[in-house]
Amino acid sequence: MLTHKDIDNTDKIETMRMDLYNEEVLYEYETIEHQYLGYFVALLCSLFIVWMSYDSSHDGLDVGEIIIYVGGGLLLNLVFIF
């Protein structure tokens, strides 16, 4: 047989469950938001690196410059995303 105390506990448990659910959803939203912000900033940095490499050498890119700029772009991607 249910008592008044059991009903109160059920309401408290349900309230706590909903609070935890809302907190998890908010955390996931903030994580996704920061991840997309990181993608955007990394893309801008990569485009800047490509533009600088194109602008600085009019004789074309050699293998060393390509390795440096691609490696730098990947490092910036990792820094800004994670």
C-alpha atoms as a PDB file:
ATOM      1  CA  MET A   1       0.000   0.000   0.000  1.00  0.00           C
ATOM      2  CA  LEU A   2       1.372   3.442  -0.960  1.00  0.00           C
ATOM      3  CA  THR A   3       1.690   6.052   1.705  1.00  0.00           C
ATOM      4  CA  HIS A   4       2.027   9.804   1.448  1.00  0.00           C
ATOM      5  CA  LYS A   5       5.769   9.458   2.102  1.00  0.00           C
ATOM      6  CA  ASP A   6       6.198   7.111  -0.896  1.00  0.00           C
ATOM      7  CA  ILE A   7       4.424   9.553  -3.190  1.00  0.00           C
ATOM      8  CA  ASP A   8       6.670  12.391  -2.001  1.00  0.00           C
ATOM      9  CA  ASN A   9       9.774  10.289  -2.662  1.00  0.00           C
ATOM     10  CA  THR A  10       8.539   9.409  -6.144  1.00  0.00           C
ATOM     11  CA  ASP A  11       8.062  13.092  -6.957  1.00  0.00           C
ATOM     12  CA  LYS A  12      11.532  13.916  -5.646  1.00  0.00           C
ATOM     13  CA  ILE A  13      13.094  11.123  -7.686  1.00  0.00           C
ATOM     14  CA  GLU A  14      11.264  12.263 -10.816  1.00  0.00           C
ATOM     15  CA  THR A  15      12.366  15.862 -10.234  1.00  0.00           C
ATOM     16  CA  MET A  16      15.983  14.795  -9.740  1.00  0.00           C
ATOM     17  CA  ARG A  17      15.836  12.643 -12.869  1.00  0.00           C
ATOM     18  CA  MET A  18      14.540  15.552 -14.959  1.00  0.00           C
ATOM     19  CA  ASP A  19      17.197  17.896 -13.537  1.00  0.00           C
ATOM     20  CA  LEU A  20      19.931  15.431 -14.462  1.00  0.00           C
ATOM     21  CA  TYR A  21      18.463  14.997 -17.945  1.00  0.00           C
ATOM     22  CA  ASN A  22      18.320  18.769 -18.509  1.00  0.00           C
ATOM     23  CA  GLU A  23      21.906  19.165 -17.304  1.00  0.00           C
ATOM     24  CA  GLU A  24      23.114  16.422 -19.686  1.00  0.00           C
ATOM     25  CA  VAL A  25      21.291  17.980 -22.638  1.00  0.00           C
ATOM     26  CA  LEU A  26      22.770  21.402 -21.842  1.00  0.00           C
ATOM     27  CA  TYR A  27      26.266  19.903 -21.548  1.00  0.00           C
ATOM     28  CA  GLU A  28      25.901  18.104 -24.905  1.00  0.00           C
ATOM     29  CA  TYR A  29      24.676  21.317 -26.550  1.00  0.00           C
ATOM     30  CA  GLU A  30      27.609  23.330 -25.174  1.00  0.00           C
ATOM     31  CA  THR A  31      30.060  20.638 -26.277  1.00  0.00           C
ATOM     32  CA  ILE A  32      28.671  20.586 -29.811  1.00  0.00           C
ATOM     33  CA  GLU A  33      28.640  24.393 -29.901  1.00  0.00           C
ATOM     34  CA  HIS A  34      32.325  24.569 -28.901  1.00  0.00           C
ATOM     35  CA  GLN A  35      33.206  21.830 -31.370  1.00  0.00           C
ATOM     36  CA  TYR A  36      31.652  23.734 -34.279  1.00  0.00           C
ATOM     37  CA  LEU A  37      33.323  26.936 -33.120  1.00  0.00           C
ATOM     38  CA  GLY A  38      36.631  25.059 -33.165  1.00  0.00           C
ATOM     39  CA  TYR A  39      35.947  23.792 -36.695  1.00  0.00           C
ATOM     40  CA  PHE A  40      35.186  27.331 -37.869  1.00  0.00           C
ATOM     41  CA  VAL A  41      38.320  28.844 -36.323  1.00  0.00           C
ATOM     42  CA  ALA A  42      40.484  25.992 -37.630  1.00  0.00           C
ATOM     43  CA  LEU A  43      39.052  26.464 -41.119  1.00  0.00           C
ATOM     44  CA  LEU A  44      39.823  30.191 -40.992  1.00  0.00           C
ATOM     45  CA  CYS A  45      43.390  29.488 -39.836  1.00  0.00           C
ATOM     46  CA  SER A  46      43.868  26.902 -42.572  1.00  0.00           C
ATOM     47  CA  LEU A  47      42.590  29.323 -45.205  1.00  0.00           C
ATOM     48  CA  PHE A  48      44.930  32.010 -43.852  1.00  0.00           C
ATOM     49  CA  ILE A  49      47.894  29.634 -44.061  1.00  0.00           C
ATOM     50  CA  VAL A  50      47.021  28.691 -47.642  1.00  0.00           C
ATOM     51  CA  TRP A  51      46.606  32.359 -48.579  1.00  0.00           C
ATOM     52  CA  MET A  52      49.946  33.274 -46.999  1.00  0.00           C
ATOM     53  CA  SER A  53      51.705  30.430 -48.787  1.00  0.00           C
ATOM     54  CA  TYR A  54      50.208  31.496 -52.105  1.00  0.00           C
ATOM     55  CA  ASP A  55      51.005  35.157 -51.497  1.00  0.00           C
ATOM     56  CA  SER A  56      54.575  34.720 -50.263  1.00  0.00           C
ATOM     57  CA  SER A  57      55.982  32.654 -53.132  1.00  0.00           C
ATOM     58  CA  HIS A  58      55.144  33.465 -56.715  1.00  0.00           C
ATOM     59  CA  ASP A  59      57.351  30.678 -58.034  1.00  0.00           C
ATOM     60  CA  GLY A  60      54.981  27.950 -56.839  1.00  0.00           C
ATOM     61  CA  LEU A  61      55.002  25.771 -53.764  1.00  0.00           C
ATOM     62  CA  ASP A  62      57.778  23.284 -53.259  1.00  0.00           C
ATOM     63  CA  VAL A  63      57.473  20.084 -51.238  1.00  0.00           C
ATOM     64  CA  GLY A  64      58.947  21.557 -48.051  1.00  0.00           C
ATOM     65  CA  GLU A  65      56.495  24.451 -47.970  1.00  0.00           C
ATOM     66  CA  ILE A  66      53.558  22.122 -48.582  1.00  0.00           C
ATOM     67  CA  ILE A  67      54.634  19.852 -45.720  1.00  0.00           C
ATOM     68  CA  ILE A  68      55.132  22.815 -43.376  1.00  0.00           C
ATOM     69  CA  TYR A  69      51.823  24.481 -44.208  1.00  0.00           C
ATOM     70  CA  VAL A  70      49.744  21.293 -44.182  1.00  0.00           C
ATOM     71  CA  GLY A  71      51.381  20.139 -40.940  1.00  0.00           C
ATOM     72  CA  GLY A  72      50.841  23.548 -39.363  1.00  0.00           C
ATOM     73  CA  GLY A  73      47.225  23.555 -40.504  1.00  0.00           C
ATOM     74  CA  LEU A  74      46.636  20.116 -39.016  1.00  0.00           C
ATOM     75  CA  LEU A  75      48.231  21.156 -35.733  1.00  0.00           C
ATOM     76  CA  LEU A  76      46.049  24.264 -35.580  1.00  0.00           C
ATOM     77  CA  ASN A  77      43.002  22.118 -36.303  1.00  0.00           C
ATOM     78  CA  LEU A  78      43.843  19.837 -33.398  1.00  0.00           C
ATOM     79  CA  VAL A  79      44.526  22.754 -31.054  1.00  0.00           C
ATOM     80  CA  PHE A  80      41.308  24.601 -31.833  1.00  0.00           C
ATOM     81  CA  ILE A  81      39.039  21.542 -31.968  1.00  0.00           C
ATOM     82  CA  PHE A  82      40.285  19.792 -28.839  1.00  0.00           C
END
